[in-house]
Structures are given as structure tokens and as C-alpha cells.
C-alpha atoms as a PDB file:
ATOM      1  CA  MET A   1    -107.233  13.535   4.803  1.00  0.00           C
ATOM      2  CA  ASN A   2    -109.636  16.094   6.843  1.00  0.00           C
ATOM      3  CA  ILE A   3    -109.365  14.477   9.945  1.00  0.00           C
ATOM      4  CA  LYS A   4    -112.219  15.535  12.609  1.00  0.00           C
ATOM      5  CA  THR A   5    -112.211  15.645  16.206  1.00  0.00           C
ATOM      6  CA  GLU A   6    -115.339  16.131  17.812  1.00  0.00           C
ATOM      7  CA  ILE A   7    -115.894  15.996  21.744  1.00  0.00           C
ATOM      8  CA  TYR A   8    -118.875  16.141  23.548  1.00  0.00           C
ATOM      9  CA  LEU A   9    -120.186  17.717  27.026  1.00  0.00           C
ATOM     10  CA  GLY A  10    -122.413  15.416  29.255  1.00  0.00           C
ATOM     11  CA  ASP A  11    -123.834  12.044  29.956  1.00  0.00           C
ATOM     12  CA  ALA A  12    -122.539   9.756  27.561  1.00  0.00           C
ATOM     13  CA  ARG A  13    -126.711   8.150  27.901  1.00  0.00           C
ATOM     14  CA  GLU A  14    -127.538  10.970  26.318  1.00  0.00           C
ATOM     15  CA  ILE A  15    -125.027  12.037  24.020  1.00  0.00           C
ATOM     16  CA  LEU A  16    -124.528   8.624  22.221  1.00  0.00           C
ATOM     17  CA  LYS A  17    -128.344   9.271  21.110  1.00  0.00           C
ATOM     18  CA  GLN A  18    -127.468  11.664  18.941  1.00  0.00           C
ATOM     19  CA  ILE A  19    -124.899   9.341  17.262  1.00  0.00           C
ATOM     20  CA  LYS A  20    -126.245   7.924  13.965  1.00  0.00           C
ATOM     21  CA  ASP A  21    -126.418   3.844  14.014  1.00  0.00           C
ATOM     22  CA  ASN A  22    -124.119   1.349  12.463  1.00  0.00           C
ATOM     23  CA  THR A  23    -121.046   4.678  12.004  1.00  0.00           C
ATOM     24  CA  VAL A  24    -118.371   3.656  14.726  1.00  0.00           C
ATOM     25  CA  ASP A  25    -115.182   1.423  13.634  1.00  0.00           C
ATOM     26  CA  LEU A  26    -113.685   1.103  16.620  1.00  0.00           C
ATOM     27  CA  ILE A  27    -115.332   1.809  20.343  1.00  0.00           C
ATOM     28  CA  PHE A  28    -111.995   2.035  23.391  1.00  0.00           C
ATOM     29  CA  THR A  29    -113.124   3.518  26.831  1.00  0.00           C
ATOM     30  CA  SER A  30    -112.348   2.901  30.307  1.00  0.00           C
ATOM     31  CA  PRO A  31    -115.160   4.303  32.230  1.00  0.00           C
ATOM     32  CA  PRO A  32    -114.989   4.728  35.705  1.00  0.00           C
ATOM     33  CA  TYR A  33    -114.364   1.806  37.540  1.00  0.00           C
ATOM     34  CA  ALA A  34    -116.993   0.739  40.645  1.00  0.00           C
ATOM     35  CA  ASP A  35    -116.694   2.311  43.895  1.00  0.00           C
ATOM     36  CA  SER A  36    -113.470   4.738  42.305  1.00  0.00           C
ATOM     37  CA  ARG A  37    -113.418   8.185  41.950  1.00  0.00           C
ATOM     38  CA  LYS A  38    -116.207   9.070  44.602  1.00  0.00           C
ATOM     39  CA  LYS A  39    -115.708  12.821  43.944  1.00  0.00           C
ATOM     40  CA  THR A  40    -115.565  13.193  40.499  1.00  0.00           C
ATOM     41  CA  TYR A  41    -117.247  10.463  38.558  1.00  0.00           C
ATOM     42  CA  GLY A  42    -119.731   9.607  41.503  1.00  0.00           C
ATOM     43  CA  GLY A  43    -118.105   6.039  42.825  1.00  0.00           C
ATOM     44  CA  ILE A  44    -120.780   3.270  41.496  1.00  0.00           C
ATOM     45  CA  HIS A  45    -121.282   0.236  44.331  1.00  0.00           C
ATOM     46  CA  PRO A  46    -120.373  -2.537  42.121  1.00  0.00           C
ATOM     47  CA  ASP A  47    -123.597  -4.162  43.301  1.00  0.00           C
ATOM     48  CA  LYS A  48    -125.025  -1.342  41.357  1.00  0.00           C
ATOM     49  CA  TYR A  49    -122.411  -1.356  38.615  1.00  0.00           C
ATOM     50  CA  ASN A  50    -123.998  -2.970  35.805  1.00  0.00           C
ATOM     51  CA  ASP A  51    -127.466  -0.712  36.444  1.00  0.00           C
ATOM     52  CA  TRP A  52    -125.485   1.931  35.542  1.00  0.00           C
ATOM     53  CA  PHE A  53    -123.323   0.839  32.690  1.00  0.00           C
ATOM     54  CA  LEU A  54    -125.487  -1.350  30.586  1.00  0.00           C
ATOM     55  CA  PRO A  55    -127.713   1.027  29.499  1.00  0.00           C
ATOM     56  CA  ILE A  56    -124.813   2.983  27.982  1.00  0.00           C
ATOM     57  CA  VAL A  57    -123.541  -0.099  26.521  1.00  0.00           C
ATOM     58  CA  ASP A  58    -127.225  -1.028  24.885  1.00  0.00           C
ATOM     59  CA  GLU A  59    -125.993   2.639  22.845  1.00  0.00           C
ATOM     60  CA  LEU A  60    -122.255   1.166  21.696  1.00  0.00           C
ATOM     61  CA  TYR A  61    -123.890  -1.561  20.384  1.00  0.00           C
ATOM     62  CA  ARG A  62    -126.215   0.490  18.144  1.00  0.00           C
ATOM     63  CA  VAL A  63    -123.672   3.027  16.957  1.00  0.00           C
ATOM     64  CA  LEU A  64    -120.884   0.289  16.050  1.00  0.00           C
ATOM     65  CA  LYS A  65    -120.401  -0.540  12.847  1.00  0.00           C
ATOM     66  CA  LEU A  66    -121.439  -4.627  11.661  1.00  0.00           C
ATOM     67  CA  LYS A  67    -117.596  -5.446  11.838  1.00  0.00           C
ATOM     68  CA  GLY A  68    -116.243  -2.196  14.464  1.00  0.00           C
ATOM     69  CA  THR A  69    -115.120  -3.636  17.538  1.00  0.00           C
ATOM     70  CA  PHE A  70    -115.557  -2.426  21.270  1.00  0.00           C
ATOM     71  CA  ILE A  71    -112.604  -2.805  23.633  1.00  0.00           C
ATOM     72  CA  LEU A  72    -113.690  -2.128  27.422  1.00  0.00           C
ATOM     73  CA  ASN A  73    -110.496  -1.547  29.451  1.00  0.00           C
ATOM     74  CA  ILE A  74    -112.017  -2.660  33.299  1.00  0.00           C
ATOM     75  CA  LYS A  75    -111.021  -3.358  36.235  1.00  0.00           C
ATOM     76  CA  GLU A  76    -112.350  -6.537  38.664  1.00  0.00           C
ATOM     77  CA  ARG A  77    -113.523  -4.309  42.720  1.00  0.00           C
ATOM     78  CA  VAL A  78    -111.742  -5.529  46.177  1.00  0.00           C
ATOM     79  CA  HIS A  79    -115.468  -5.771  48.071  1.00  0.00           C
ATOM     80  CA  LYS A  80    -115.702  -7.386  51.919  1.00  0.00           C
ATOM     81  CA  SER A  81    -111.857  -9.111  51.257  1.00  0.00           C
ATOM     82  CA  GLU A  82    -112.668 -11.086  47.873  1.00  0.00           C
ATOM     83  CA  ARG A  83    -113.122 -10.495  44.608  1.00  0.00           C
ATOM     84  CA  HIS A  84    -116.407  -8.609  43.524  1.00  0.00           C
ATOM     85  CA  THR A  85    -118.473 -10.500  40.311  1.00  0.00           C
ATOM     86  CA  TYR A  86    -119.660  -7.772  38.484  1.00  0.00           C
ATOM     87  CA  VAL A  87    -116.938  -7.631  35.674  1.00  0.00           C
ATOM     88  CA  LEU A  88    -117.864 -11.624  34.946  1.00  0.00           C
ATOM     89  CA  GLU A  89    -121.669 -10.157  35.270  1.00  0.00           C
ATOM     90  CA  MET A  90    -121.372  -7.788  33.023  1.00  0.00           C
ATOM     91  CA  ILE A  91    -119.794  -9.886  30.471  1.00  0.00           C
ATOM     92  CA  LEU A  92    -122.588 -12.431  30.641  1.00  0.00           C
ATOM     93  CA  GLU A  93    -124.993  -9.698  30.574  1.00  0.00           C
ATOM     94  CA  LEU A  94    -123.637  -8.383  27.272  1.00  0.00           C
ATOM     95  CA  ARG A  95    -123.483 -11.633  25.790  1.00  0.00           C
ATOM     96  CA  LYS A  96    -127.197 -11.842  26.505  1.00  0.00           C
ATOM     97  CA  ARG A  97    -127.546  -8.768  24.370  1.00  0.00           C
ATOM     98  CA  GLY A  98    -126.070  -9.917  21.458  1.00  0.00           C
ATOM     99  CA  TRP A  99    -122.070  -9.324  21.805  1.00  0.00           C
ATOM    100  CA  LEU A 100    -119.627 -11.655  21.335  1.00  0.00           C
ATOM    101  CA  TRP A 101    -117.142 -11.978  23.613  1.00  0.00           C
ATOM    102  CA  THR A 102    -114.098 -12.178  21.309  1.00  0.00           C
ATOM    103  CA  GLU A 103    -111.073 -11.933  23.171  1.00  0.00           C
ATOM    104  CA  GLU A 104    -109.611 -10.523  26.197  1.00  0.00           C
ATOM    105  CA  PHE A 105    -106.107  -8.710  26.889  1.00  0.00           C
ATOM    106  CA  ILE A 106    -104.221  -7.727  29.423  1.00  0.00           C
ATOM    107  CA  TRP A 107    -102.447  -4.492  30.103  1.00  0.00           C
ATOM    108  CA  HIS A 108     -99.220  -5.551  32.439  1.00  0.00           C
ATOM    109  CA  LYS A 109     -97.970  -2.132  34.397  1.00  0.00           C
ATOM    110  CA  LYS A 110     -94.379  -2.021  34.030  1.00  0.00           C
ATOM    111  CA  ASN A 111     -93.877   0.477  36.478  1.00  0.00           C
ATOM    112  CA  SER A 112     -97.198  -0.728  39.284  1.00  0.00           C
ATOM    113  CA  TYR A 113     -96.350   0.109  42.760  1.00  0.00           C
ATOM    114  CA  PRO A 114     -95.474  -3.139  45.101  1.00  0.00           C
ATOM    115  CA  GLY A 115     -97.626  -3.595  47.832  1.00  0.00           C
ATOM    116  CA  LYS A 116     -99.889  -5.980  49.804  1.00  0.00           C
ATOM    117  CA  TRP A 117    -102.787  -6.001  51.543  1.00  0.00           C
ATOM    118  CA  PRO A 118    -103.216  -8.836  54.786  1.00  0.00           C
ATOM    119  CA  ASN A 119    -104.608 -11.418  51.851  1.00  0.00           C
ATOM    120  CA  ARG A 120    -103.655 -10.511  48.470  1.00  0.00           C
ATOM    121  CA  PHE A 121    -100.661  -8.704  46.898  1.00  0.00           C
ATOM    122  CA  ARG A 122    -101.546  -5.569  44.842  1.00  0.00           C
ATOM    123  CA  ASP A 123    -103.000  -5.988  40.725  1.00  0.00           C
ATOM    124  CA  SER A 124    -100.183  -5.179  38.115  1.00  0.00           C
ATOM    125  CA  TRP A 125    -102.547  -5.571  35.457  1.00  0.00           C
ATOM    126  CA  GLU A 126    -106.010  -4.755  33.830  1.00  0.00           C
ATOM    127  CA  ARG A 127    -108.423  -6.479  31.543  1.00  0.00           C
ATOM    128  CA  LEU A 128    -108.828  -4.997  28.090  1.00  0.00           C
ATOM    129  CA  LEU A 129    -112.339  -7.189  26.976  1.00  0.00           C
ATOM    130  CA  GLN A 130    -113.123  -7.359  23.184  1.00  0.00           C
ATOM    131  CA  PHE A 131    -116.766  -7.604  22.186  1.00  0.00           C
ATOM    132  CA  ASN A 132    -117.820  -7.963  18.911  1.00  0.00           C
ATOM    133  CA  LYS A 133    -121.387  -8.011  16.763  1.00  0.00           C
ATOM    134  CA  GLN A 134    -120.371 -10.977  14.366  1.00  0.00           C
ATOM    135  CA  LYS A 135    -117.554 -13.368  14.172  1.00  0.00           C
ATOM    136  CA  ASN A 136    -116.262 -11.357  11.073  1.00  0.00           C
ATOM    137  CA  PHE A 137    -115.043  -8.322  11.871  1.00  0.00           C
ATOM    138  CA  ASN A 138    -112.104  -5.755  10.730  1.00  0.00           C
ATOM    139  CA  MET A 139    -108.815  -6.596  12.048  1.00  0.00           C
ATOM    140  CA  TYR A 140    -105.340  -5.294  10.496  1.00  0.00           C
ATOM    141  CA  GLN A 141    -102.796  -7.503  12.532  1.00  0.00           C
ATOM    142  CA  GLU A 142     -99.999  -7.194  10.127  1.00  0.00           C
ATOM    143  CA  SER A 143    -100.244  -3.463  11.664  1.00  0.00           C
ATOM    144  CA  VAL A 144     -99.034  -4.339  15.310  1.00  0.00           C
ATOM    145  CA  MET A 145     -96.344  -7.413  14.406  1.00  0.00           C
ATOM    146  CA  ILE A 146     -93.177  -6.865  16.303  1.00  0.00           C
ATOM    147  CA  PRO A 147     -89.491  -7.825  16.257  1.00  0.00           C
ATOM    148  CA  VAL A 148     -88.800 -11.670  15.907  1.00  0.00           C
ATOM    149  CA  GLY A 149     -86.670 -11.822  19.289  1.00  0.00           C
ATOM    150  CA  GLU A 150     -84.085 -13.732  20.297  1.00  0.00           C
ATOM    151  CA  TRP A 151     -85.230 -16.887  20.897  1.00  0.00           C
ATOM    152  CA  ALA A 152     -85.223 -17.263  17.037  1.00  0.00           C
ATOM    153  CA  LYS A 153     -81.210 -17.538  16.962  1.00  0.00           C
ATOM    154  CA  SER A 154     -81.280 -20.850  18.904  1.00  0.00           C
ATOM    155  CA  ARG A 155     -84.615 -22.471  18.687  1.00  0.00           C
ATOM    156  CA  LEU A 156     -84.751 -22.549  14.085  1.00  0.00           C
ATOM    157  CA  LYS A 157     -81.254 -23.113  14.048  1.00  0.00           C
ATOM    158  CA  LYS A 158     -81.625 -27.140  14.744  1.00  0.00           C
ATOM    159  CA  LEU A 159     -85.226 -28.237  13.149  1.00  0.00           C
ATOM    160  CA  SER A 160     -86.606 -31.163  13.811  1.00  0.00           C
ATOM    161  CA  SER A 161     -88.864 -33.526  11.277  1.00  0.00           C
ATOM    162  CA  THR A 162     -91.581 -32.238  13.012  1.00  0.00           C
ATOM    163  CA  ASP A 163     -90.604 -28.495  13.330  1.00  0.00           C
ATOM    164  CA  LYS A 164     -91.234 -28.626   9.539  1.00  0.00           C
ATOM    165  CA  ILE A 165     -94.683 -29.546   9.272  1.00  0.00           C
ATOM    166  CA  ARG A 166     -98.162 -29.086  10.731  1.00  0.00           C
ATOM    167  CA  ASP A 167     -97.329 -30.784  14.310  1.00  0.00           C
ATOM    168  CA  ASN A 168    -100.879 -31.423  15.932  1.00  0.00           C
ATOM    169  CA  SER A 169    -100.282 -30.382  19.543  1.00  0.00           C
ATOM    170  CA  LYS A 170     -99.188 -32.824  22.368  1.00  0.00           C
ATOM    171  CA  ASN A 171    -102.594 -32.411  24.406  1.00  0.00           C
ATOM    172  CA  GLY A 172    -104.623 -33.506  22.326  1.00  0.00           C
ATOM    173  CA  SER A 173    -106.208 -29.352  21.471  1.00  0.00           C
ATOM    174  CA  GLY A 174    -106.038 -30.029  17.354  1.00  0.00           C
ATOM    175  CA  PHE A 175    -103.929 -26.619  17.747  1.00  0.00           C
ATOM    176  CA  GLY A 176    -100.325 -27.198  15.540  1.00  0.00           C
ATOM    177  CA  LYS A 177     -97.589 -25.197  14.018  1.00  0.00           C
ATOM    178  CA  ASN A 178     -94.990 -25.289  11.206  1.00  0.00           C
ATOM    179  CA  ILE A 179     -91.805 -23.722  13.342  1.00  0.00           C
ATOM    180  CA  SER A 180     -89.898 -23.498   9.755  1.00  0.00           C
ATOM    181  CA  ASN A 181     -92.706 -20.569   8.622  1.00  0.00           C
ATOM    182  CA  TRP A 182     -90.584 -18.442  10.496  1.00  0.00           C
ATOM    183  CA  ILE A 183     -87.132 -18.889   9.609  1.00  0.00           C
ATOM    184  CA  LYS A 184     -85.727 -15.468   7.943  1.00  0.00           C
ATOM    185  CA  ARG A 185     -88.623 -13.635   9.692  1.00  0.00           C
ATOM    186  CA  ASP A 186     -87.819 -10.281  10.586  1.00  0.00           C
ATOM    187  CA  LEU A 187     -91.204  -9.831  12.794  1.00  0.00           C
ATOM    188  CA  VAL A 188     -94.019 -12.155  14.304  1.00  0.00           C
ATOM    189  CA  TYR A 189     -97.422 -11.880  15.835  1.00  0.00           C
ATOM    190  CA  PRO A 190     -97.694 -10.688  19.548  1.00  0.00           C
ATOM    191  CA  ASN A 191     -99.825 -12.592  22.171  1.00  0.00           C
ATOM    192  CA  ASN A 192    -102.456 -10.874  24.159  1.00  0.00           C
ATOM    193  CA  VAL A 193    -100.869  -9.216  26.892  1.00  0.00           C
ATOM    194  CA  ILE A 194     -99.791  -5.596  26.070  1.00  0.00           C
ATOM    195  CA  TYR A 195     -96.548  -4.414  28.422  1.00  0.00           C
ATOM    196  CA  SER A 196     -96.991  -0.619  28.878  1.00  0.00           C
ATOM    197  CA  ALA A 197     -96.246   1.648  31.849  1.00  0.00           C
ATOM    198  CA  THR A 198     -98.664   3.830  33.826  1.00  0.00           C
ATOM    199  CA  GLU A 199     -98.960   7.560  32.990  1.00  0.00           C
ATOM    200  CA  CYS A 200    -100.935  10.215  35.649  1.00  0.00           C
ATOM    201  CA  ASN A 201     -99.186  13.064  36.750  1.00  0.00           C
ATOM    202  CA  ASN A 202     -98.820  14.875  32.812  1.00  0.00           C
ATOM    203  CA  LYS A 203    -102.121  14.214  32.062  1.00  0.00           C
ATOM    204  CA  ASN A 204    -103.557  15.488  34.375  1.00  0.00           C
ATOM    205  CA  HIS A 205    -105.919  12.527  35.118  1.00  0.00           C
ATOM    206  CA  SER A 206    -106.023  10.282  38.252  1.00  0.00           C
ATOM    207  CA  ALA A 207    -106.559   7.282  35.940  1.00  0.00           C
ATOM    208  CA  ALA A 208    -105.160   8.173  32.615  1.00  0.00           C
ATOM    209  CA  PHE A 209    -103.812   5.186  29.963  1.00  0.00           C
ATOM    210  CA  PRO A 210    -100.806   5.521  28.412  1.00  0.00           C
ATOM    211  CA  ASP A 211    -100.470   6.304  24.278  1.00  0.00           C
ATOM    212  CA  SER A 212     -98.994   2.589  23.650  1.00  0.00           C
ATOM    213  CA  LEU A 213    -102.479   0.952  24.717  1.00  0.00           C
ATOM    214  CA  PRO A 214    -104.890   2.895  22.831  1.00  0.00           C
ATOM    215  CA  GLU A 215    -102.481   3.761  20.131  1.00  0.00           C
ATOM    216  CA  TRP A 216    -102.188  -0.854  19.812  1.00  0.00           C
ATOM    217  CA  PHE A 217    -106.007  -1.317  19.509  1.00  0.00           C
ATOM    218  CA  ILE A 218    -106.419   1.724  16.863  1.00  0.00           C
ATOM    219  CA  LYS A 219    -103.818  -0.147  14.657  1.00  0.00           C
ATOM    220  CA  LEU A 220    -104.855  -3.214  15.317  1.00  0.00           C
ATOM    221  CA  PHE A 221    -109.027  -2.623  14.929  1.00  0.00           C
ATOM    222  CA  THR A 222    -109.126   0.472  12.108  1.00  0.00           C
ATOM    223  CA  LYS A 223    -107.527   2.167   8.937  1.00  0.00           C
ATOM    224  CA  LYS A 224    -107.036   5.750   8.727  1.00  0.00           C
ATOM    225  CA  GLY A 225    -110.126   7.666   7.971  1.00  0.00           C
ATOM    226  CA  ASP A 226    -111.990   5.472  10.072  1.00  0.00           C
ATOM    227  CA  LEU A 227    -113.950   6.441  13.187  1.00  0.00           C
ATOM    228  CA  VAL A 228    -113.140   6.238  16.818  1.00  0.00           C
ATOM    229  CA  LEU A 229    -115.125   6.881  19.621  1.00  0.00           C
ATOM    230  CA  ASP A 230    -114.278   7.142  23.145  1.00  0.00           C
ATOM    231  CA  PRO A 231    -117.470   7.580  25.685  1.00  0.00           C
ATOM    232  CA  PHE A 232    -115.478   8.638  28.695  1.00  0.00           C
ATOM    233  CA  MET A 233    -112.938  10.760  26.947  1.00  0.00           C
ATOM    234  CA  GLY A 234    -110.936  11.798  30.306  1.00  0.00           C
ATOM    235  CA  SER A 235    -107.648  13.256  29.587  1.00  0.00           C
ATOM    236  CA  GLY A 236    -108.041  12.615  25.370  1.00  0.00           C
ATOM    237  CA  THR A 237    -105.882  10.128  25.227  1.00  0.00           C
ATOM    238  CA  THR A 238    -107.979   8.297  22.489  1.00  0.00           C
ATOM    239  CA  LEU A 239    -108.730  11.078  20.642  1.00  0.00           C
ATOM    240  CA  PHE A 240    -104.795  12.907  20.152  1.00  0.00           C
ATOM    241  CA  VAL A 241    -103.742   9.299  19.504  1.00  0.00           C
ATOM    242  CA  SER A 242    -106.180   8.681  16.813  1.00  0.00           C
ATOM    243  CA  LYS A 243    -105.916  12.455  15.172  1.00  0.00           C
ATOM    244  CA  ARG A 244    -102.367  11.589  15.022  1.00  0.00           C
ATOM    245  CA  LEU A 245    -102.719   8.383  13.299  1.00  0.00           C
ATOM    246  CA  GLY A 246    -104.931   9.882  10.744  1.00  0.00           C
ATOM    247  CA  ARG A 247    -108.319   8.421  12.702  1.00  0.00           C
ATOM    248  CA  ASN A 248    -111.312  10.701  13.269  1.00  0.00           C
ATOM    249  CA  SER A 249    -112.684  10.410  16.645  1.00  0.00           C
ATOM    250  CA  LYS A 250    -115.601  11.273  18.734  1.00  0.00           C
ATOM    251  CA  GLY A 251    -114.939  12.241  22.355  1.00  0.00           C
ATOM    252  CA  ILE A 252    -117.726  12.812  25.813  1.00  0.00           C
ATOM    253  CA  ASP A 253    -117.024  13.585  29.046  1.00  0.00           C
ATOM    254  CA  ILE A 254    -119.333  14.540  32.335  1.00  0.00           C
ATOM    255  CA  LEU A 255    -116.623  16.663  33.607  1.00  0.00           C
ATOM    256  CA  PRO A 256    -116.436  20.101  32.637  1.00  0.00           C
ATOM    257  CA  ASP A 257    -112.758  20.244  33.399  1.00  0.00           C
ATOM    258  CA  PHE A 258    -111.480  17.176  31.320  1.00  0.00           C
ATOM    259  CA  TYR A 259    -113.926  18.551  28.539  1.00  0.00           C
ATOM    260  CA  ASN A 260    -112.325  22.209  28.795  1.00  0.00           C
ATOM    261  CA  MET A 261    -108.910  20.865  28.922  1.00  0.00           C
ATOM    262  CA  VAL A 262    -109.229  18.394  25.726  1.00  0.00           C
ATOM    263  CA  LYS A 263    -111.159  20.907  23.776  1.00  0.00           C
ATOM    264  CA  THR A 264    -107.927  23.426  24.803  1.00  0.00           C
ATOM    265  CA  GLN A 265    -105.348  21.135  23.702  1.00  0.00           C
ATOM    266  CA  LEU A 266    -107.496  19.952  20.712  1.00  0.00           C
ATOM    267  CA  GLU A 267    -107.535  23.904  19.979  1.00  0.00           C
ATOM    268  CA  GLU A 268    -103.889  24.421  20.361  1.00  0.00           C
ATOM    269  CA  THR A 269    -102.779  21.637  17.807  1.00  0.00           C
ATOM    270  CA  GLU A 270    -105.133  23.503  15.398  1.00  0.00           C
ATOM    271  CA  SER A 271    -107.400  20.663  15.424  1.00  0.00           C
ATOM    272  CA  ASN A 272    -110.577  20.560  13.355  1.00  0.00           C
ATOM    273  CA  ILE A 273    -112.648  20.361  16.524  1.00  0.00           C
ATOM    274  CA  PHE A 274    -116.755  20.719  16.844  1.00  0.00           C
ATOM    275  CA  GLU A 275    -118.422  21.580  19.896  1.00  0.00           C
ATOM    276  CA  SER A 276    -121.580  19.589  19.947  1.00  0.00           C
ATOM    277  CA  ASN A 277    -123.747  22.751  20.828  1.00  0.00           C
ATOM    278  CA  ASN A 278    -122.675  24.511  17.680  1.00  0.00           C
ATOM    279  CA  TYR A 279    -122.186  22.177  15.532  1.00  0.00           C
ATOM    280  CA  TYR A 280    -125.652  20.610  15.789  1.00  0.00           C
ATOM    281  CA  GLU A 281    -126.723  24.153  15.901  1.00  0.00           C
ATOM    282  CA  LYS A 282    -125.517  25.108  12.496  1.00  0.00           C
ATOM    283  CA  THR A 283    -125.827  21.983  10.647  1.00  0.00           C
ATOM    284  CA  GLY A 284    -128.782  20.182  12.339  1.00  0.00           C
ATOM    285  CA  THR A 285    -126.771  16.714  11.899  1.00  0.00           C
ATOM    286  CA  HIS A 286    -125.577  14.163  14.017  1.00  0.00           C
END
């Protein structure tokens, strides 16, 4: 299979316009957070963040396939001693624009530094928001199953009569489970909390996420040969993981240093890489 990795230098708001409608299977990205990385990305104030970001999201909606998924890694900003609501406001705006807010995953940073401020403690988690165009989307749940764990040895040893049927929840939610379904199973489905350590020093980027983070979502929402897009590629983690997993990918960054770093690393791995300008000049296509 001929896997392609394409990278683009420029503003995502403009570069995304060059990508065809309904061609991307998964968007996995972490844009610069509000009021952060002022020297590199400008440090957008939380009051103005959505004015900057929502036009980009409109382009992401256009390029995403009908059964595709958009995963947004984003974090609230504490402003004037309270949590700013820009992330919540963003979710509401995306819903108005036709997105379905399908799920929310939590990235628990296992190696986060301890610390406190006068009125709060340090965060050790970040949001990963899932958005889709429709309720029916591609999802390959078996690809992220995990070992059943030690709990099964005692819990499945002696089953009650209600454990052997779909016993409805006692809280009235209507949801129930048949515990006996897990007997002799080696693998089970995970929950929506992802435990993974942060990585920065070895990636020459102040806010790089670990390979395991995009890997989990790429496996869950794509198959080999699908196309993954990261419009804020930074150190290129999403692209390198996509290539290793046999997925095509496109990455965009406005900073020449990150673009050149990713370009060099891709060339070193003999990736089939197309620089945006040369690619379009030679082919006349997007």
C-alpha cells in the first residue's frame, strides 16, 4: 500500500481551503490553547478565541467525510481566578453549525507535576472532544480492546441469578448488563479515560502529546489506507503515528521551524512526502 504524508506551511484557515470536500476520515488535532504560547502562536485571548477558531472548524466540517470523526484536544483557561467558558461556548457554537457532540474523552496525564495556586490545584487532565456529522460514523471498537484485568478473577467466580441476565440498573436509567458475558474473555472494551504520560523534551515542542494519544484514536476511528488530518501538526506526532499505522495523512503548521523539522524527519524515514507548493504546481490538484 502506497502511504502518503503531505505537509503544508501556512495558516490553516487558508490551507484548508485547498483540500477537497468530504475527503478526510479523521481529524485529530490540538490547536494552541487560549492565552498560551504567545511567542510562537500569538497567545489568543480566551474572549477572542472562538472568533479565531470557528472559521477553521467550518473548513474542517467541509473536508470531513460524512462518516468521519473530529477529535479536538483542548483545555480550559483560568482567567481572573476562574475557569473561562470559551471551551463550553465553542461546543455550543459547533452544535449550532451542525456538529454532533458525540463523546468526551479525558486524557489523564500520569506524569503531571504537582502544584497549586491560592484557589486551586494543578490540572492533570485535558479534554478530547469528539464531534461527528451524523449519528452513524465509522468506529472500530475491537481495535482498542484491553486485557480483562484482575477484577475478573473474583467478580466472575460466583455469579448471582441477576448476573446471568440483562439486569436493569437500580438507579432507573434503564441500562443493564449481563455479567456472565465476560466469562472466559481475555479482552474487554476500555472506558473514556485515557492514561498517558506527556512528552515534550524529545520532540522539540513545548506542548507535544505522546504517540499513544493519537494512536488510540487513529485505531478507533480509521482503518489502513484512510486519511488523517492534523491542521496544527506541531512536531508531527499525528503524522508519524498515522504513517506507522498505515494511514495517509496531511499536516499543517504556520511556523517554519516546525514545518522544516517535520519535513526533515519525514525525509529521513523515506516517507512519500509532498511539499504543498511543489505538489500543486506539478499536479494542479488538491
